Protein backbone atom coordinates (compact mmCIF):
# COMPACT_ATOMS: atom_id res chain seq x y z
CA MET A 1 -0.02 0.02 0.02
CA SER A 2 2.82 2.38 0.84
CA ALA A 3 4.52 1.68 -2.38
CA ILE A 4 1.30 2.59 -4.28
CA ALA A 5 0.78 5.75 -2.11
CA THR A 6 4.37 6.77 -2.84
CA ALA A 7 3.94 6.41 -6.49
CA ALA A 8 0.61 8.18 -6.41
CA THR A 9 2.20 11.24 -4.78
CA LEU A 10 4.73 11.71 -7.60
CA SER A 11 1.99 13.30 -9.70
CA LEU A 12 0.05 15.27 -7.10
CA PRO A 13 0.38 19.05 -7.46
CA ILE A 14 -0.88 21.11 -4.51
CA SER A 15 -1.49 24.69 -5.55
CA LEU A 16 -1.97 27.49 -3.13
CA SER A 17 -2.73 29.91 -5.98
CA ARG A 18 -5.91 30.61 -7.90
CA SER A 19 -4.23 32.38 -10.73
CA SER A 20 -0.58 31.57 -10.55
CA LYS A 21 1.05 29.81 -13.47
CA PHE A 22 3.59 27.07 -12.95
CA SER A 23 5.46 24.52 -14.96
CA ASN A 24 5.06 20.86 -13.90
CA LYS A 25 8.55 19.61 -14.69
CA LYS A 26 9.37 15.99 -14.22
CA CYS A 27 12.11 15.12 -11.65
CA VAL A 28 14.10 11.89 -11.27
CA ARG A 29 14.94 12.37 -7.57
CA ALA A 30 13.57 9.96 -5.06
CA GLY A 31 10.94 10.87 -2.36
CA PHE A 32 7.57 12.52 -2.36
CA ARG A 33 7.47 15.00 -5.19
CA VAL A 34 4.89 17.49 -4.09
CA PHE A 35 5.47 20.78 -5.85
CA ALA A 36 4.50 23.77 -3.61
CA ILE A 37 3.38 26.93 -5.31
CA PHE A 38 2.58 30.36 -3.61
CA GLY A 39 1.01 33.37 -5.17
CA GLU A 40 -2.04 35.69 -5.60
CA GLU A 41 -2.15 39.24 -4.47
CA GLY A 42 -5.08 40.60 -2.56
CA GLY A 43 -6.44 41.66 0.75
CA LEU A 44 -9.35 42.84 2.72
CA VAL A 45 -11.65 45.29 1.03
CA GLU A 46 -10.66 48.75 2.28
CA LYS A 47 -14.09 49.89 3.16
CA LYS A 48 -15.22 48.67 6.63
CA SER A 49 -18.68 48.44 8.14
CA SER A 50 -20.07 48.02 11.61
CA TRP A 51 -20.28 44.21 11.17
CA SER A 52 -17.09 43.65 9.20
CA THR A 53 -15.11 42.72 12.30
CA ILE A 54 -16.28 39.10 12.04
CA PHE A 55 -14.37 38.93 8.77
CA GLU A 56 -11.14 40.32 10.28
CA VAL A 57 -9.14 37.09 9.94
CA GLU A 58 -5.42 37.35 9.55
CA ASP A 59 -3.96 36.57 6.17
CA PRO A 60 -2.26 33.17 6.73
CA ARG A 61 0.17 33.54 3.84
CA SER A 62 2.66 35.54 6.01
CA LYS A 63 3.00 32.66 8.46
CA PHE A 64 3.74 30.00 6.00
CA PRO A 65 7.42 29.21 5.16
CA GLN A 66 8.53 30.00 1.62
CA SER A 67 8.62 26.73 -0.38
CA LYS A 68 8.09 27.87 -3.96
CA GLY A 69 9.87 25.59 -6.41
CA LYS A 70 10.83 23.02 -3.75
CA PHE A 71 10.07 19.32 -3.55
CA LEU A 72 8.71 18.38 -0.20
CA ASP A 73 8.67 15.25 1.96
CA VAL A 74 5.42 13.63 3.02
CA ASN A 75 5.07 15.58 6.26
CA GLN A 76 5.88 18.93 4.64
CA ALA A 77 3.36 18.08 1.93
CA LEU A 78 0.68 17.39 4.56
CA GLU A 79 1.35 20.80 6.15
CA VAL A 80 0.99 22.39 2.62
CA ALA A 81 -2.44 20.75 2.30
CA ARG A 82 -3.55 21.99 5.73
CA PHE A 83 -2.31 25.45 4.97
CA ASP A 84 -4.28 25.36 1.70
CA ILE A 85 -7.48 24.85 3.81
CA GLN A 86 -6.59 27.89 6.00
CA TYR A 87 -5.84 30.11 3.03
CA LEU A 88 -9.12 29.11 1.25
CA ASP A 89 -11.14 29.84 4.35
CA TRP A 90 -9.49 33.27 4.54
CA ARG A 91 -10.18 33.87 0.84
CA ALA A 92 -13.75 32.80 1.08
CA ARG A 93 -14.34 35.31 3.95
CA GLN A 94 -12.95 38.09 1.76
CA ASP A 95 -15.28 37.16 -1.06
CA LEU A 96 -18.28 37.17 1.21
CA LEU A 97 -17.27 40.44 2.70
CA THR A 98 -17.05 41.94 -0.76
CA ILE A 99 -20.58 40.88 -1.57
CA MET A 100 -21.91 42.39 1.68
CA LEU A 101 -20.12 45.65 0.99
CA LEU A 102 -21.45 45.79 -2.52
CA HIS A 103 -24.97 45.26 -1.23
CA GLU A 104 -24.41 48.32 0.98
CA LYS A 105 -23.41 50.38 -2.02
CA VAL A 106 -26.64 49.42 -3.71
CA VAL A 107 -28.62 50.62 -0.71
CA GLU A 108 -26.76 53.85 -0.72
CA VAL A 109 -27.40 54.35 -4.44
CA LEU A 110 -31.19 53.63 -4.00
CA ASN A 111 -31.37 55.92 -0.90
CA PRO A 112 -34.08 58.58 -1.55
CA LEU A 113 -31.74 61.35 -0.31
CA ALA A 114 -29.15 60.37 -2.89
CA ARG A 115 -31.67 60.51 -5.73
CA GLU A 116 -32.11 64.28 -5.20
CA TYR A 117 -28.53 64.91 -6.28
CA LYS A 118 -28.15 62.35 -9.04
CA SER A 119 -29.78 62.04 -12.44
CA VAL A 120 -31.66 58.91 -13.44
CA GLY A 121 -28.99 58.10 -15.99
CA THR A 122 -26.30 58.18 -13.39
CA LEU A 123 -28.21 55.98 -11.09
CA LYS A 124 -28.84 53.48 -13.84
CA LYS A 125 -25.18 53.45 -14.67
CA GLU A 126 -24.07 53.00 -11.02
CA LEU A 127 -26.67 50.15 -10.54
CA ALA A 128 -25.48 48.35 -13.64
CA GLU A 129 -21.84 48.54 -12.47
CA LEU A 130 -22.83 47.27 -9.08
CA GLN A 131 -24.90 44.54 -10.55
CA ASP A 132 -21.85 43.39 -12.68
CA GLU A 133 -19.67 43.51 -9.51
CA LEU A 134 -22.14 41.54 -7.54
CA SER A 135 -22.24 38.91 -10.29
CA GLN A 136 -18.52 38.56 -10.23
CA ALA A 137 -18.43 38.33 -6.48
CA HIS A 138 -21.11 35.59 -6.45
CA LYS A 139 -19.15 33.70 -9.02
CA GLN A 140 -15.99 34.03 -6.98
CA VAL A 141 -17.86 32.59 -3.94
CA HIS A 142 -18.82 29.49 -5.91
CA ILE A 143 -15.24 29.15 -7.09
CA SER A 144 -14.06 29.32 -3.42
CA GLU A 145 -16.60 26.74 -2.47
CA ALA A 146 -15.32 24.33 -5.18
CA ARG A 147 -11.66 25.00 -4.14
CA VAL A 148 -12.40 24.34 -0.45
CA SER A 149 -14.02 21.01 -1.40
CA THR A 150 -11.00 20.08 -3.59
CA ALA A 151 -8.58 21.10 -0.86
CA LEU A 152 -10.43 18.95 1.67
CA ASP A 153 -10.10 16.04 -0.62
CA LYS A 154 -6.37 16.71 -0.98
CA LEU A 155 -5.98 16.93 2.77
CA ALA A 156 -7.75 13.55 3.32
CA TYR A 157 -5.52 12.09 0.60
CA MET A 158 -2.34 13.47 2.10
CA GLU A 159 -3.26 12.24 5.55
CA GLU A 160 -3.69 8.72 4.00
CA LEU A 161 -0.20 9.03 2.52
CA VAL A 162 1.26 10.04 5.83
CA ASN A 163 -0.42 7.15 7.65
CA ASP A 164 0.99 4.77 5.05
CA LYS A 165 4.42 6.30 5.40
CA LEU A 166 4.31 6.00 9.16
CA LEU A 167 3.31 2.34 8.96
CA GLN A 168 6.05 1.73 6.45
CA ASP A 169 8.61 3.43 8.69
CA LYS A 170 7.39 1.40 11.66
CA ALA A 171 7.63 -1.88 9.71
CA THR A 172 11.12 -1.02 8.66
CA ILE A 173 12.20 -0.15 12.27
CA GLU A 174 10.75 -3.42 13.54
CA SER A 175 12.40 -5.32 10.79
CA ASP A 176 15.69 -3.80 11.67
CA ARG A 177 15.26 -4.65 15.41
CA SER A 178 14.44 -8.29 14.67
CA SER A 179 17.23 -8.90 12.29
CA PRO A 180 20.68 -9.91 13.44
CA SER A 181 23.30 -7.19 13.55
CA ALA A 182 25.85 -7.09 10.80
CA SER A 183 28.37 -4.72 9.46
CA THR A 184 27.33 -2.54 6.53
CA SER A 185 30.24 -3.98 4.43
CA THR A 186 28.94 -7.58 4.85
CA LEU A 187 25.37 -6.87 3.77
CA SER A 188 24.62 -8.28 0.34
CA VAL A 189 22.83 -6.37 -2.36
CA ASP A 190 19.81 -8.59 -2.07
CA THR A 191 19.52 -7.90 1.66
CA VAL A 192 19.61 -4.17 1.15
CA LYS A 193 17.01 -4.38 -1.70
CA SER A 194 14.71 -6.41 0.59
CA LYS A 195 14.51 -3.50 3.06
CA LEU A 196 13.66 -0.89 0.41
CA PRO A 197 9.97 -0.11 -0.08
CA ARG A 198 8.49 -1.95 -3.02
CA LYS A 199 7.89 0.65 -5.79
CA SER A 200 6.33 -1.56 -8.51
CA LEU A 201 4.84 -4.94 -9.43
CA ASN A 202 6.88 -7.30 -11.60
CA VAL A 203 4.79 -8.56 -14.34
CA SER A 204 7.27 -9.28 -17.11
CA GLY A 205 8.70 -12.08 -19.32
CA PRO A 206 6.98 -15.15 -20.70
CA VAL A 207 3.69 -16.03 -19.05
CA PRO A 208 4.47 -18.85 -16.50
CA SER A 209 2.28 -21.91 -16.34
CA TYR A 210 -0.87 -21.31 -14.23
CA HIS A 211 -0.36 -22.27 -10.64
CA PRO A 212 -2.71 -25.06 -9.55
CA ARG A 213 -4.07 -22.95 -6.71
CA LEU A 214 -5.55 -20.53 -9.21
CA LYS A 215 -7.81 -23.44 -10.52
CA ASN A 216 -9.54 -23.87 -7.12
CA PHE A 217 -12.43 -21.56 -7.82
CA TRP A 218 -15.76 -21.61 -9.57
CA TYR A 219 -15.34 -20.19 -13.15
CA PRO A 220 -18.27 -19.14 -15.35
CA VAL A 221 -17.58 -20.45 -18.78
CA ALA A 222 -20.82 -20.00 -20.84
CA PHE A 223 -24.21 -18.37 -20.93
CA SER A 224 -27.21 -20.67 -20.41
CA THR A 225 -28.88 -19.33 -23.49
CA ASP A 226 -26.05 -20.71 -25.60
CA LEU A 227 -26.39 -24.20 -24.39
CA LYS A 228 -29.51 -25.88 -25.90
CA ASP A 229 -30.50 -29.59 -25.27
CA ASP A 230 -28.91 -30.65 -28.52
CA THR A 231 -25.88 -28.34 -28.72
CA MET A 232 -22.35 -28.34 -27.33
CA VAL A 233 -20.08 -25.53 -26.19
CA PRO A 234 -16.37 -26.25 -26.53
CA ILE A 235 -14.05 -24.27 -24.36
CA ASP A 236 -10.39 -24.24 -23.32
CA CYS A 237 -9.69 -23.68 -19.60
CA PHE A 238 -6.18 -23.49 -18.23
CA GLU A 239 -4.75 -24.92 -21.50
CA GLU A 240 -7.03 -27.94 -21.39
CA PRO A 241 -9.88 -28.66 -23.91
CA TRP A 242 -13.34 -29.23 -22.42
CA VAL A 243 -16.87 -29.55 -23.87
CA ILE A 244 -20.19 -28.75 -22.21
CA PHE A 245 -23.46 -30.25 -23.06
CA ARG A 246 -26.77 -31.11 -21.30
CA GLY A 247 -27.67 -34.59 -20.01
CA LYS A 248 -30.95 -36.32 -20.14
CA ASP A 249 -32.16 -34.37 -17.04
CA GLY A 250 -31.35 -31.08 -18.85
CA LYS A 251 -28.49 -30.33 -16.33
CA PRO A 252 -25.12 -29.29 -17.92
CA GLY A 253 -21.99 -31.35 -17.70
CA CYS A 254 -18.39 -30.67 -18.61
CA VAL A 255 -16.12 -33.44 -19.89
CA GLN A 256 -12.69 -33.67 -21.51
CA ASN A 257 -13.05 -32.68 -25.22
CA THR A 258 -10.98 -35.63 -26.39
CA CYS A 259 -12.40 -39.14 -27.12
CA ALA A 260 -10.82 -41.92 -25.16
CA HIS A 261 -10.55 -44.12 -28.27
CA ARG A 262 -8.49 -42.11 -30.83
CA ALA A 263 -8.33 -38.51 -29.25
CA CYS A 264 -10.82 -37.11 -31.71
CA PRO A 265 -12.40 -33.70 -30.60
CA LEU A 266 -15.90 -34.58 -29.28
CA HIS A 267 -17.43 -31.16 -30.15
CA LEU A 268 -17.19 -32.18 -33.77
CA GLY A 269 -19.92 -34.81 -33.10
CA SER A 270 -23.48 -34.39 -31.87
CA VAL A 271 -25.60 -34.87 -28.74
CA ASN A 272 -28.02 -37.85 -28.64
CA GLU A 273 -30.40 -38.37 -25.77
CA GLY A 274 -28.25 -36.48 -23.30
CA ARG A 275 -25.03 -38.13 -24.43
CA ILE A 276 -22.23 -36.65 -26.59
CA GLN A 277 -21.26 -38.79 -29.61
CA CYS A 278 -17.79 -38.93 -31.15
CA PRO A 279 -17.96 -38.28 -34.93
CA TYR A 280 -15.14 -40.86 -35.54
CA HIS A 281 -16.51 -44.12 -34.27
CA GLY A 282 -19.71 -43.20 -32.56
CA TRP A 283 -18.61 -43.73 -28.95
CA GLU A 284 -21.10 -41.88 -26.60
CA TYR A 285 -20.39 -40.24 -23.21
CA SER A 286 -22.64 -39.05 -20.45
CA THR A 287 -22.23 -35.82 -18.48
CA ASP A 288 -20.13 -37.67 -15.82
CA GLY A 289 -17.65 -38.76 -18.56
CA LYS A 290 -18.67 -42.40 -18.56
CA CYS A 291 -18.75 -44.12 -22.03
CA GLU A 292 -22.19 -45.69 -22.47
CA LYS A 293 -22.02 -46.89 -26.08
CA MET A 294 -19.31 -48.34 -28.26
CA PRO A 295 -20.97 -49.37 -31.55
CA SER A 296 -19.52 -52.28 -33.48
CA THR A 297 -17.50 -53.62 -30.40
CA LYS A 298 -17.83 -54.86 -26.90
CA LEU A 299 -18.64 -52.13 -24.29
CA ARG A 300 -15.63 -51.50 -22.03
CA ASN A 301 -15.23 -49.62 -18.77
CA VAL A 302 -13.91 -46.32 -20.14
CA LYS A 303 -14.44 -42.83 -18.53
CA LEU A 304 -13.35 -39.43 -19.48
CA LYS A 305 -12.32 -36.77 -16.91
CA ALA A 306 -15.22 -34.66 -15.96
CA LEU A 307 -15.42 -31.48 -13.97
CA PRO A 308 -17.99 -30.34 -11.43
CA CYS A 309 -20.59 -28.30 -13.43
CA PHE A 310 -23.55 -26.24 -12.28
CA GLU A 311 -25.98 -23.73 -13.66
CA GLN A 312 -26.87 -20.44 -11.84
CA ASP A 313 -27.92 -16.94 -12.69
CA GLY A 314 -28.08 -17.77 -16.41
CA MET A 315 -24.48 -18.94 -16.48
CA ILE A 316 -22.69 -22.38 -16.61
CA TRP A 317 -20.03 -22.79 -14.04
CA ILE A 318 -17.10 -25.32 -13.70
CA TRP A 319 -14.56 -26.12 -11.01
CA PRO A 320 -11.17 -26.99 -12.71
CA GLY A 321 -9.17 -27.35 -9.51
CA SER A 322 -8.08 -30.42 -7.58
CA ASP A 323 -9.43 -29.23 -4.25
CA PRO A 324 -13.08 -30.06 -3.35
CA PRO A 325 -15.38 -27.40 -4.77
CA THR A 326 -16.98 -24.91 -2.39
CA ALA A 327 -20.64 -25.33 -1.58
CA THR A 328 -21.88 -22.02 -2.83
CA LEU A 329 -21.37 -20.06 -6.20
CA PRO A 330 -21.05 -16.38 -6.50
CA SER A 331 -24.17 -14.48 -7.62
CA LEU A 332 -23.74 -12.71 -10.91
CA GLU A 333 -27.34 -11.64 -11.34
CA PRO A 334 -27.81 -8.00 -12.44
CA PRO A 335 -28.97 -5.55 -9.69
CA GLN A 336 -32.67 -5.27 -8.96
CA GLY A 337 -34.53 -3.35 -11.64
CA PHE A 338 -32.07 -4.18 -14.47
CA LYS A 339 -33.04 -6.14 -17.62
CA ILE A 340 -30.43 -8.14 -19.56
CA HIS A 341 -30.21 -6.87 -23.19
CA ALA A 342 -27.00 -8.48 -24.49
CA GLU A 343 -24.84 -11.61 -23.82
CA ILE A 344 -21.70 -11.88 -25.93
CA VAL A 345 -18.86 -14.34 -26.03
CA MET A 346 -15.47 -13.56 -27.68
CA GLU A 347 -12.11 -15.36 -27.89
CA LEU A 348 -9.26 -12.91 -27.52
CA PRO A 349 -5.55 -13.40 -28.26
CA VAL A 350 -4.34 -11.92 -24.87
CA GLU A 351 -3.47 -13.40 -21.48
CA HIS A 352 -6.41 -13.03 -19.18
CA GLY A 353 -4.51 -11.02 -16.45
CA LEU A 354 -3.65 -8.41 -18.94
CA LEU A 355 -7.22 -8.11 -19.98
CA LEU A 356 -8.42 -7.82 -16.33
CA ASP A 357 -5.74 -5.11 -15.83
CA ASN A 358 -7.34 -3.14 -18.70
CA LEU A 359 -11.00 -3.66 -17.50
CA LEU A 360 -10.09 -2.50 -14.00
CA ASP A 361 -8.77 0.75 -15.30
CA LEU A 362 -11.00 3.63 -16.34
CA ALA A 363 -8.43 6.49 -16.45
CA HIS A 364 -7.50 5.36 -20.00
CA ALA A 365 -10.94 5.98 -21.47
CA PRO A 366 -10.62 9.62 -22.70
CA PHE A 367 -7.37 8.67 -24.51
CA THR A 368 -8.17 5.24 -25.89
CA HIS A 369 -11.92 5.16 -26.54
CA THR A 370 -12.00 8.34 -28.48
CA SER A 371 -14.23 6.89 -31.24
CA THR A 372 -16.76 5.10 -29.03
CA PHE A 373 -18.24 5.72 -25.59
CA ALA A 374 -15.67 8.31 -24.39
CA LYS A 375 -15.76 10.48 -27.45
CA GLY A 376 -15.79 14.09 -26.36
CA TRP A 377 -14.90 13.25 -22.80
CA SER A 378 -12.66 15.91 -21.16
CA VAL A 379 -9.41 14.90 -19.40
CA PRO A 380 -9.75 15.35 -15.66
CA SER A 381 -6.96 16.97 -13.72
CA LEU A 382 -7.05 14.15 -11.29
CA VAL A 383 -8.63 10.61 -11.47
CA LYS A 384 -9.03 8.58 -8.39
CA PHE A 385 -10.46 5.18 -7.51
CA LEU A 386 -11.88 5.32 -3.97
CA THR A 387 -12.28 2.11 -2.17
CA PRO A 388 -12.22 0.63 1.35
CA SER A 389 -8.82 -0.24 2.59
CA SER A 390 -9.78 -4.03 2.51
CA GLY A 391 -11.94 -4.19 -0.49
CA LEU A 392 -11.91 -5.12 -4.17
CA GLN A 393 -14.75 -2.64 -4.98
CA GLY A 394 -15.27 1.06 -5.01
CA TYR A 395 -16.18 4.00 -7.31
CA TRP A 396 -14.38 6.27 -9.72
CA ASP A 397 -13.97 10.04 -9.15
CA PRO A 398 -14.87 12.13 -11.13
CA TYR A 399 -16.80 9.43 -13.19
CA PRO A 400 -20.13 8.14 -11.89
CA ILE A 401 -19.01 4.59 -12.19
CA ASP A 402 -19.03 1.81 -9.51
CA MET A 403 -16.66 -1.07 -10.10
CA GLU A 404 -15.74 -4.40 -8.45
CA PHE A 405 -13.30 -7.10 -9.05
CA ARG A 406 -14.84 -10.37 -8.05
CA PRO A 407 -12.43 -13.37 -7.78
CA PRO A 408 -11.15 -15.16 -9.61
CA CYS A 409 -11.70 -13.39 -12.98
CA ILE A 410 -14.89 -11.25 -12.92
CA VAL A 411 -15.33 -7.45 -13.21
CA LEU A 412 -18.68 -5.80 -12.53
CA SER A 413 -19.40 -2.20 -13.15
CA THR A 414 -22.51 0.08 -12.93
CA ILE A 415 -22.32 3.29 -14.96
CA GLY A 416 -24.66 6.30 -14.61
CA ILE A 417 -25.67 7.73 -17.93
CA SER A 418 -27.98 10.21 -19.41
CA LYS A 419 -27.75 8.99 -23.03
CA PRO A 420 -25.42 6.61 -24.82
CA GLY A 421 -21.88 7.79 -24.60
CA LYS A 422 -22.64 10.64 -22.07
CA LEU A 423 -22.05 10.81 -18.35
CA GLU A 424 -24.03 12.85 -15.78
CA GLY A 425 -23.68 13.59 -12.08
CA GLN A 426 -20.84 12.96 -9.70
CA SER A 427 -21.91 9.46 -8.55
CA THR A 428 -24.18 6.59 -9.78
CA LYS A 429 -26.80 7.50 -7.08
CA GLN A 430 -27.18 10.93 -8.65
CA CYS A 431 -27.92 9.49 -12.15
CA SER A 432 -31.41 8.49 -13.19
CA THR A 433 -30.48 5.71 -15.62
CA HIS A 434 -27.72 3.14 -15.54
CA LEU A 435 -25.88 0.53 -17.50
CA HIS A 436 -24.59 -2.62 -15.67
CA GLN A 437 -21.74 -4.59 -17.14
CA LEU A 438 -20.42 -8.08 -16.40
CA HIS A 439 -17.03 -9.14 -17.86
CA VAL A 440 -15.73 -12.68 -17.20
CA CYS A 441 -12.13 -13.25 -18.37
CA LEU A 442 -11.69 -17.03 -18.49
CA PRO A 443 -7.99 -18.12 -18.80
CA SER A 444 -8.21 -20.37 -21.88
CA SER A 445 -4.34 -20.46 -22.20
CA ARG A 446 -1.32 -18.34 -21.39
CA HIS A 447 -2.01 -16.26 -24.53
CA LYS A 448 -5.75 -16.52 -24.88
CA THR A 449 -8.88 -15.45 -23.08
CA ARG A 450 -12.47 -16.46 -23.41
CA LEU A 451 -14.47 -13.15 -22.61
CA LEU A 452 -18.08 -13.39 -21.49
CA TYR A 453 -19.83 -10.08 -21.60
CA ARG A 454 -23.37 -9.29 -20.21
CA MET A 455 -24.99 -5.82 -20.52
CA SER A 456 -28.05 -4.86 -18.63
CA LEU A 457 -30.07 -1.59 -18.42
CA ASP A 458 -32.52 -0.12 -15.87
CA PHE A 459 -34.32 1.92 -18.62
CA ALA A 460 -35.64 1.44 -22.21
CA PRO A 461 -37.10 -2.07 -21.82
CA MET A 462 -38.64 -1.91 -25.28
CA LEU A 463 -35.10 -2.30 -26.77
CA GLU A 464 -35.17 -5.92 -25.87
CA HIS A 465 -38.00 -6.50 -28.37
CA VAL A 466 -36.37 -4.63 -31.31
CA PRO A 467 -35.40 -7.12 -34.07
CA PHE A 468 -31.67 -7.64 -34.64
CA MET A 469 -30.83 -5.45 -31.70
CA HIS A 470 -28.31 -7.96 -30.29
CA TYR A 471 -26.26 -7.57 -33.49
CA LEU A 472 -26.06 -3.83 -32.81
CA TRP A 473 -24.98 -4.45 -29.30
CA ARG A 474 -22.36 -6.90 -30.42
CA TYR A 475 -21.02 -4.52 -33.03
CA PHE A 476 -20.71 -1.75 -30.50
CA ALA A 477 -18.99 -3.99 -27.92
CA GLU A 478 -16.55 -5.10 -30.54
CA GLN A 479 -15.69 -1.52 -31.49
CA VAL A 480 -15.00 -0.70 -27.88
CA LEU A 481 -12.96 -3.82 -27.45
CA ASN A 482 -10.83 -3.34 -30.51
CA GLU A 483 -9.74 0.01 -29.19
CA ASP A 484 -8.35 -1.78 -26.15
CA LEU A 485 -7.02 -4.90 -27.93
CA ARG A 486 -4.44 -3.02 -30.03
CA LEU A 487 -2.89 -1.61 -26.86
CA VAL A 488 -3.06 -4.86 -24.75
CA ILE A 489 -1.69 -6.95 -27.55
CA GLY A 490 1.17 -4.51 -27.86
CA GLN A 491 1.68 -4.74 -23.99
CA GLN A 492 1.76 -8.54 -24.30
CA ASP A 493 4.38 -8.55 -26.99
CA ARG A 494 6.68 -6.27 -24.95
CA MET A 495 6.01 -8.23 -21.77
CA LEU A 496 7.08 -11.44 -23.45
CA ASN A 497 10.37 -9.69 -24.37
CA GLY A 498 11.04 -8.63 -20.82
CA ALA A 499 9.11 -5.32 -20.32
CA ASN A 500 7.36 -4.86 -16.93
CA VAL A 501 3.69 -3.88 -17.63
CA TRP A 502 3.32 -2.76 -14.03
CA ASN A 503 6.57 -0.85 -13.67
CA PHE A 504 5.17 2.42 -12.21
CA PRO A 505 1.60 2.19 -10.70
CA VAL A 506 -0.05 5.45 -9.79
CA SER A 507 -3.16 6.46 -7.77
CA TYR A 508 -5.76 5.44 -10.35
CA ASP A 509 -4.27 2.02 -10.71
CA LYS A 510 -5.43 0.87 -7.31
CA LEU A 511 -7.97 -1.70 -8.24
CA GLY A 512 -5.71 -3.34 -10.85
CA VAL A 513 -2.82 -3.44 -8.33
CA ARG A 514 -5.11 -5.09 -5.74
CA TYR A 515 -6.06 -7.74 -8.36
CA ARG A 516 -2.37 -8.47 -8.92
CA LEU A 517 -1.63 -8.65 -5.21
CA TRP A 518 -4.66 -10.95 -4.68
CA ARG A 519 -3.43 -13.19 -7.56
CA ASP A 520 0.10 -13.35 -6.16
CA ALA A 521 -1.27 -14.30 -2.74
CA VAL A 522 -3.28 -17.12 -4.24
CA GLU A 523 -0.33 -18.51 -6.15
CA GLN A 524 1.99 -18.19 -2.98
CA GLY A 525 -0.59 -20.32 -0.96
CA VAL A 526 -1.54 -17.49 1.54
CA LYS A 527 -4.24 -18.69 3.72
CA GLN A 528 -5.92 -15.29 4.35
CA LEU A 529 -6.29 -13.73 0.89
CA PRO A 530 -5.77 -9.95 0.80
CA PHE A 531 -8.75 -7.53 0.39
CA THR A 532 -11.34 -10.41 0.80
CA ASN A 533 -12.78 -12.59 3.47
CA GLN A 534 -11.69 -15.76 1.64
CA HIS A 535 -9.44 -18.35 3.43
CA LYS A 536 -7.52 -20.83 1.21
CA SER A 537 -6.23 -24.07 2.57
């Protein structure tokens, strides 16, 4: 967490100026790179009134040490954020005082005694000027309110960084106390590196074989609507071929997609009375993998490998691991009030972890999806993913989007929209209509992913009955995905050649980083998985 917070701080400018200009130059020095800026002239309005004493708050700028152009450590950066709050409070008081004094001027202009000495034209001119000044003052108050809100967010963020830094320092001190003493000259390079805070994840080089522990989860592999009584769905899962079909009782089964006789792919055959028939010599297998028919020869005791397979929430699930399956399956039903409008399956030439990294990141949208849903989006000055310290879910700021990573390979998101491609409000609760998305990234192989996509809406139910509408949804989904794929495939090529695709995580990478930490913990056999309540044996 501290490593992520450190990286996040590298790009956090804290400005104490409303109108000052600055150059955000990159720096290669280590530490917290918070750039302090100081400026803006101004002071109390000269004219005083009988009640203006409540606004007589001392200008805090004179008490703050000069730090213009300096890079500050984390504690100094926190003091800058706190000073920013004090300054904005003082600035807001001056704005409000200005408005009240201008109102006094209006009263003076409209005073009957004053009218005796001024022409109507002069009064109109003065009132017009005062009206313009009042408008500007009211506008400035709104700006001050927004700046105070932003400064409070910065302060909370900096306090979080300080807490992380304190925890990191405490852990380092405890580690030093518990380790045996040794001279500096005898410390190895590896020992020194192990005491340094982790600055990045290491996801580079050829994709290693999937760890068996990653298989001990329920995986959604197909939509129920795609599995008819007389059809089959062939899939690859963890580099093994499987085929799904329905038995006599209508329940789904998953068996090895290789005939025990001559290794012919079973999905090239057909389903007869709840059994899958090999197209080569007609051998037939039930959903538990047992061969029940061997035409033209004596029936022998032959059985294919079969996986636990269940149907729930309109999806087919399998358990590919060697551990006993858990008794319950996660629920993937859309939220209450949503209607499913599209279910799409795609086979993609990328490793499933890279695709999950992409789906768990929204900050790339205004740069990548410029021809689809993010066309016309402005680029925010700061994008954050806000989440509980122990969770795999949260919401994006400033986008009205809630998002969750649900182990082992599922991304759920709810987007507040006003019309296709547009955003409204600051949170999903403030939006009147919503789009709910389900992405399942099944690890077919180390370089291939089976993507299941489900789209649901809480509005426009009539779209479900529009002919060929599902073709339109698929076309749009493919356009969005193609914008991502060209980038992710490029990442994969460079990763295979040794590049680290997680070399420098920043603040908006939080959810993707947590997914990677969760996956590392699974593969390392950690009993209490991070960010979840799951225990693994």
